[in-house]
Amino acid sequence: MIEALIDYIMKKGYKVRVSPGYLTIWKDVGEQRLSLSWGITKAGLRVMDWDTLKYTADCQLRKLAEAEKAGPPREEAIEQA
């Protein structure tokens, strides 16, 4: 099922790296790379049906889409940090 999940995410325009216990999902937007790590295990995959897994993936991807929509951090925000 992990292969199907990776294919599902990649068809939505994201790249995926598989590591033990999690997936790293990213998308390059201009000079910015948006990424997140999604903790997911083989045991977790076994208890989810495909629809639940797709829904969970879409929730993760929505975080990246919102970051893309927000754009890069403003310089004044960086200077204050």
Protein backbone atom coordinates (compact mmCIF):
# COMPACT_ATOMS: atom_id res chain seq x y z
CA MET A 1 0.00 0.00 0.00
CA ILE A 2 2.96 2.36 0.53
CA GLU A 3 3.67 2.30 -3.21
CA ALA A 4 0.10 3.35 -3.96
CA LEU A 5 0.35 6.13 -1.37
CA ILE A 6 3.59 7.43 -2.89
CA ASP A 7 2.03 7.34 -6.36
CA TYR A 8 -1.04 9.21 -5.06
CA ILE A 9 1.12 11.96 -3.53
CA MET A 10 3.37 12.27 -6.57
CA LYS A 11 0.39 12.59 -8.92
CA LYS A 12 -0.58 15.67 -6.92
CA GLY A 13 2.74 17.31 -7.81
CA TYR A 14 4.82 16.50 -4.73
CA LYS A 15 8.01 14.50 -4.28
CA VAL A 16 8.37 11.80 -1.64
CA ARG A 17 11.27 10.22 0.19
CA VAL A 18 10.67 7.08 2.26
CA SER A 19 12.58 6.65 5.51
CA PRO A 20 12.02 4.18 8.35
CA GLY A 21 8.93 5.38 10.21
CA TYR A 22 8.12 8.44 8.12
CA LEU A 23 7.73 10.03 4.71
CA THR A 24 9.29 13.32 3.70
CA ILE A 25 7.04 15.15 1.26
CA TRP A 26 8.21 18.27 -0.55
CA LYS A 27 7.65 20.62 -3.43
CA ASP A 28 10.01 23.22 -4.84
CA VAL A 29 8.29 26.55 -5.45
CA GLY A 30 10.61 28.99 -7.14
CA GLU A 31 13.66 29.22 -4.90
CA GLN A 32 11.77 27.91 -1.88
CA ARG A 33 11.39 24.27 -0.82
CA LEU A 34 8.25 23.43 1.15
CA SER A 35 8.49 20.16 3.04
CA LEU A 36 7.11 18.16 5.90
CA SER A 37 7.77 14.85 7.58
CA TRP A 38 4.81 12.55 8.07
CA GLY A 39 5.30 9.88 10.71
CA ILE A 40 3.75 6.71 9.36
CA THR A 41 4.60 3.09 10.10
CA LYS A 42 3.88 -0.28 8.54
CA ALA A 43 1.55 -1.01 11.46
CA GLY A 44 -0.26 2.27 10.82
CA LEU A 45 -0.66 1.41 7.16
CA ARG A 46 -2.13 -1.99 8.02
CA VAL A 47 -4.97 -0.56 10.09
CA MET A 48 -6.03 2.14 7.59
CA ASP A 49 -8.22 1.48 4.63
CA TRP A 50 -7.38 3.23 1.36
CA ASP A 51 -9.98 6.00 1.72
CA THR A 52 -8.74 6.89 5.21
CA LEU A 53 -5.15 6.86 4.01
CA LYS A 54 -5.96 9.18 1.09
CA TYR A 55 -7.86 11.52 3.42
CA THR A 56 -4.90 11.62 5.82
CA ALA A 57 -2.50 12.26 2.94
CA ASP A 58 -4.71 15.08 1.67
CA CYS A 59 -4.62 16.67 5.14
CA GLN A 60 -0.82 16.57 5.06
CA LEU A 61 -0.70 17.99 1.53
CA ARG A 62 -3.10 20.76 2.51
CA LYS A 63 -0.47 22.03 4.98
CA LEU A 64 2.03 22.38 2.14
CA ALA A 65 -0.55 24.00 -0.14
CA GLU A 66 -1.36 26.58 2.54
CA ALA A 67 2.33 27.36 2.99
CA GLU A 68 2.69 27.76 -0.77
CA LYS A 69 -0.29 30.11 -0.85
CA ALA A 70 1.15 32.19 2.00
CA GLY A 71 4.38 32.70 0.05
CA PRO A 72 7.89 33.18 1.39
CA PRO A 73 8.39 34.85 4.78
CA ARG A 74 8.51 38.63 4.65
CA GLU A 75 11.91 40.22 5.29
CA GLU A 76 10.60 42.30 8.20
CA ALA A 77 9.36 39.14 9.91
CA ILE A 78 12.78 37.52 9.47
CA GLU A 79 14.54 40.58 10.92
CA GLN A 80 12.32 40.51 14.01
CA ALA A 81 13.03 36.83 14.70
